[in-house]
């Protein structure tokens, strides 16, 4: 039902998209989406607990340090929130990577590599969903320092924050891992396409594609 080439149709409008052109969906869709988010997140809580118990055993050998990684990210309305993940990289005192620097692959631990490939590192974000900061599906939230820079440099970046950010999203399933300003411009196009066209059909497509990525261990 979706062809990634459709994103090209959004490229000419990015930066010239008004709030009236973006669709937040019907009231019924928004209520259903939030209810679905809560039900699925509650259903995943036992899996989250099981993963925590396994990591308590494995972390001392393959991923020394804390189980969780909490990072300030930009959410709906460009407001910050604390995103929760399973830690997959060696801890540093301060993040110095700029918006255009590549991912620090040397910091990814052996267990962290598996967590990222399987997308299991994102599982704790169901807690963010339950708290109302995130949705299961929506634009992926960026690290707050990078996001504030993108607000100034990428047209349309502010508008992508009209909805709750998601654990997975159209940009992630169709474009893959995004890093750097140039790639983020394409991500914004995908996010605006999602917001403009979001509904039950597109939502289920992204959900299915996400399951496919997890099954194939095609994460970053």
Protein backbone atom coordinates (compact mmCIF):
# COMPACT_ATOMS: atom_id res chain seq x y z
CA UNK A 1 0.00 0.00 0.00
CA UNK A 2 3.03 2.25 0.36
CA UNK A 3 5.93 2.88 -1.99
CA UNK A 4 8.94 4.77 -0.58
CA UNK A 5 9.08 6.78 -3.82
CA UNK A 6 5.93 8.50 -2.57
CA UNK A 7 8.17 10.42 -0.18
CA UNK A 8 9.51 12.34 -3.16
CA UNK A 9 6.16 14.07 -3.42
CA UNK A 10 6.77 15.65 -0.03
CA UNK A 11 10.24 16.96 -0.89
CA UNK A 12 8.94 19.95 -2.76
CA UNK A 13 6.70 21.03 0.08
CA UNK A 14 9.03 20.58 3.03
CA UNK A 15 9.51 23.96 4.62
CA UNK A 16 6.32 25.36 3.11
CA UNK A 17 3.84 23.21 5.01
CA UNK A 18 1.26 25.02 7.11
CA UNK A 19 -0.52 23.59 10.11
CA UNK A 20 -3.75 23.49 8.11
CA UNK A 21 -2.10 21.22 5.53
CA UNK A 22 -1.03 18.68 8.15
CA UNK A 23 -3.62 16.15 9.25
CA UNK A 24 -3.89 15.13 12.88
CA UNK A 25 -6.51 12.56 11.92
CA UNK A 26 -10.11 12.23 13.04
CA UNK A 27 -11.04 12.31 16.71
CA UNK A 28 -11.94 8.61 16.50
CA UNK A 29 -8.53 7.80 15.00
CA UNK A 30 -6.68 9.73 17.71
CA UNK A 31 -8.67 8.04 20.50
CA UNK A 32 -8.16 4.61 18.92
CA UNK A 33 -4.43 5.24 18.40
CA UNK A 34 -3.90 6.27 22.02
CA UNK A 35 -5.97 3.33 23.30
CA UNK A 36 -4.00 0.95 21.07
CA UNK A 37 -0.72 2.43 22.34
CA UNK A 38 -1.73 1.83 25.95
CA UNK A 39 -3.05 -1.69 25.41
CA UNK A 40 0.00 -2.88 23.46
CA UNK A 41 2.41 -1.24 25.93
CA UNK A 42 0.69 -2.93 28.88
CA UNK A 43 0.82 -6.26 27.03
CA UNK A 44 4.59 -5.76 26.51
CA UNK A 45 5.33 -5.04 30.18
CA UNK A 46 6.00 -8.74 31.05
CA UNK A 47 8.44 -8.87 28.13
CA UNK A 48 10.16 -5.75 29.42
CA UNK A 49 10.47 -7.28 32.88
CA UNK A 50 11.88 -10.50 31.39
CA UNK A 51 14.42 -8.55 29.33
CA UNK A 52 15.53 -6.64 32.45
CA UNK A 53 16.11 -9.91 34.33
CA UNK A 54 18.16 -11.32 31.44
CA UNK A 55 20.25 -8.13 31.21
CA UNK A 56 20.91 -8.24 34.94
CA UNK A 57 22.68 -11.53 34.28
CA UNK A 58 24.42 -10.65 31.00
CA UNK A 59 25.40 -7.02 31.50
CA UNK A 60 28.34 -7.66 33.88
CA UNK A 61 30.00 -9.78 31.17
CA UNK A 62 28.96 -8.19 27.87
CA UNK A 63 27.71 -4.68 28.63
CA UNK A 64 29.22 -3.47 31.89
CA UNK A 65 27.33 -0.64 33.51
CA UNK A 66 23.75 0.41 34.06
CA UNK A 67 20.88 -1.36 32.30
CA UNK A 68 19.05 1.79 31.25
CA UNK A 69 20.11 4.84 29.28
CA UNK A 70 18.02 7.98 29.75
CA UNK A 71 18.40 10.87 27.32
CA UNK A 72 16.62 14.20 26.94
CA UNK A 73 14.88 14.32 23.56
CA UNK A 74 12.48 16.65 21.77
CA UNK A 75 8.82 15.61 21.86
CA UNK A 76 5.43 16.94 20.87
CA UNK A 77 5.25 20.72 20.71
CA UNK A 78 9.09 20.81 20.67
CA UNK A 79 9.07 20.16 24.44
CA UNK A 80 11.75 17.98 25.97
CA UNK A 81 11.18 14.68 27.73
CA UNK A 82 13.35 11.88 29.12
CA UNK A 83 13.49 8.95 26.68
CA UNK A 84 14.30 5.56 28.22
CA UNK A 85 16.30 2.86 26.43
CA UNK A 86 18.38 -0.18 27.27
CA UNK A 87 21.98 1.02 27.25
CA UNK A 88 23.87 -0.30 24.22
CA UNK A 89 27.03 1.85 24.34
CA UNK A 90 29.84 2.47 26.77
CA UNK A 91 29.03 5.39 29.03
CA UNK A 92 30.76 8.74 28.55
CA UNK A 93 30.78 11.74 30.86
CA UNK A 94 29.28 14.01 28.20
CA UNK A 95 27.96 13.49 24.68
CA UNK A 96 30.16 15.50 22.34
CA UNK A 97 28.93 14.12 19.01
CA UNK A 98 27.55 16.95 16.88
CA UNK A 99 24.48 16.70 14.67
CA UNK A 100 26.67 15.84 11.65
CA UNK A 101 29.14 13.48 13.32
CA UNK A 102 28.79 9.75 12.54
CA UNK A 103 27.63 7.31 15.18
CA UNK A 104 30.45 6.31 17.55
CA UNK A 105 30.50 2.64 16.58
CA UNK A 106 33.51 1.94 18.79
CA UNK A 107 31.36 2.64 21.87
CA UNK A 108 28.78 -0.06 21.06
CA UNK A 109 29.25 -3.06 23.35
CA UNK A 110 28.95 -6.72 22.19
CA UNK A 111 25.54 -7.08 23.82
CA UNK A 112 24.60 -3.57 22.74
CA UNK A 113 25.15 -4.57 19.12
CA UNK A 114 22.53 -7.31 19.47
CA UNK A 115 20.13 -4.99 21.28
CA UNK A 116 20.37 -2.37 18.52
CA UNK A 117 20.09 -4.85 15.64
CA UNK A 118 17.00 -6.45 17.17
CA UNK A 119 15.59 -3.05 18.23
CA UNK A 120 15.22 -4.44 21.76
CA UNK A 121 17.10 -1.38 23.05
CA UNK A 122 13.90 0.59 22.33
CA UNK A 123 11.64 -1.70 24.40
CA UNK A 124 11.78 0.43 27.61
CA UNK A 125 10.19 3.28 25.67
CA UNK A 126 6.83 1.58 26.22
CA UNK A 127 7.13 3.33 29.60
CA UNK A 128 7.35 6.65 27.72
CA UNK A 129 4.24 5.60 25.79
CA UNK A 130 2.34 4.87 29.00
CA UNK A 131 3.42 8.23 30.42
CA UNK A 132 2.04 9.98 27.32
CA UNK A 133 5.38 11.27 26.01
CA UNK A 134 5.48 8.92 23.04
CA UNK A 135 3.38 6.75 20.75
CA UNK A 136 4.21 3.34 19.33
CA UNK A 137 4.30 4.94 15.87
CA UNK A 138 5.29 8.50 15.00
CA UNK A 139 8.32 10.65 14.12
CA UNK A 140 11.40 9.43 15.98
CA UNK A 141 12.52 11.92 18.68
CA UNK A 142 16.02 13.37 18.34
CA UNK A 143 18.58 14.16 21.05
CA UNK A 144 17.58 17.60 22.33
CA UNK A 145 20.87 19.34 21.44
CA UNK A 146 20.71 18.08 17.85
CA UNK A 147 16.98 18.82 17.60
CA UNK A 148 17.47 22.44 18.63
CA UNK A 149 20.05 22.80 15.87
CA UNK A 150 17.74 21.18 13.30
CA UNK A 151 14.99 23.62 14.25
CA UNK A 152 17.20 26.40 12.96
CA UNK A 153 18.57 24.67 9.87
CA UNK A 154 15.95 22.27 8.47
CA UNK A 155 12.67 23.57 7.01
CA UNK A 156 9.64 21.67 8.28
CA UNK A 157 11.46 20.29 11.32
CA UNK A 158 9.24 22.16 13.79
CA UNK A 159 6.05 20.86 12.13
CA UNK A 160 7.08 17.22 12.61
CA UNK A 161 6.58 17.77 16.34
CA UNK A 162 2.84 18.39 16.02
CA UNK A 163 2.22 14.77 17.09
CA UNK A 164 3.70 12.47 19.71
CA UNK A 165 7.07 11.01 18.67
CA UNK A 166 7.11 7.27 18.09
CA UNK A 167 9.18 4.22 18.99
CA UNK A 168 9.03 3.41 15.27
CA UNK A 169 8.04 5.53 12.30
CA UNK A 170 7.77 5.78 8.55
CA UNK A 171 11.28 7.20 8.18
CA UNK A 172 12.77 4.30 10.17
CA UNK A 173 11.01 1.56 8.21
CA UNK A 174 11.51 3.10 4.75
CA UNK A 175 14.79 5.02 5.05
CA UNK A 176 16.63 3.11 7.79
CA UNK A 177 18.96 4.61 10.38
CA UNK A 178 19.26 8.39 10.02
CA UNK A 179 22.26 10.49 11.01
CA UNK A 180 23.47 13.91 9.92
CA UNK A 181 21.68 16.99 8.62
CA UNK A 182 21.30 15.83 5.01
CA UNK A 183 19.69 12.52 5.99
CA UNK A 184 17.53 14.31 8.56
CA UNK A 185 16.07 16.46 5.79
CA UNK A 186 14.81 13.25 4.15
CA UNK A 187 13.53 12.06 7.52
CA UNK A 188 11.54 15.28 7.88
CA UNK A 189 9.97 14.67 4.46
CA UNK A 190 8.91 11.19 5.58
CA UNK A 191 7.59 12.52 8.91
CA UNK A 192 5.53 15.22 7.23
CA UNK A 193 4.19 12.66 4.76
CA UNK A 194 3.17 10.48 7.72
CA UNK A 195 1.44 13.33 9.54
CA UNK A 196 -0.36 14.46 6.39
CA UNK A 197 -1.55 10.97 5.44
CA UNK A 198 -1.78 9.21 8.79
CA UNK A 199 -4.73 6.94 9.33
CA UNK A 200 -5.49 3.29 10.03
CA UNK A 201 -3.99 2.00 6.77
CA UNK A 202 -0.64 3.77 7.05
CA UNK A 203 -0.45 3.03 10.77
CA UNK A 204 -0.87 -0.73 10.18
CA UNK A 205 1.65 -0.61 7.32
CA UNK A 206 4.33 0.91 9.57
CA UNK A 207 3.45 -1.55 12.36
CA UNK A 208 3.89 -4.49 9.97
CA UNK A 209 7.12 -3.08 8.54
CA UNK A 210 8.47 -2.60 12.07
CA UNK A 211 7.79 -6.25 12.91
CA UNK A 212 9.64 -7.18 9.72
CA UNK A 213 12.67 -5.08 10.69
CA UNK A 214 12.75 -6.68 14.16
CA UNK A 215 12.41 -10.20 12.73
CA UNK A 216 15.26 -9.56 10.27
CA UNK A 217 17.40 -7.86 12.94
CA UNK A 218 17.80 -4.96 10.54
CA UNK A 219 18.11 -2.23 13.16
CA UNK A 220 21.03 0.17 13.52
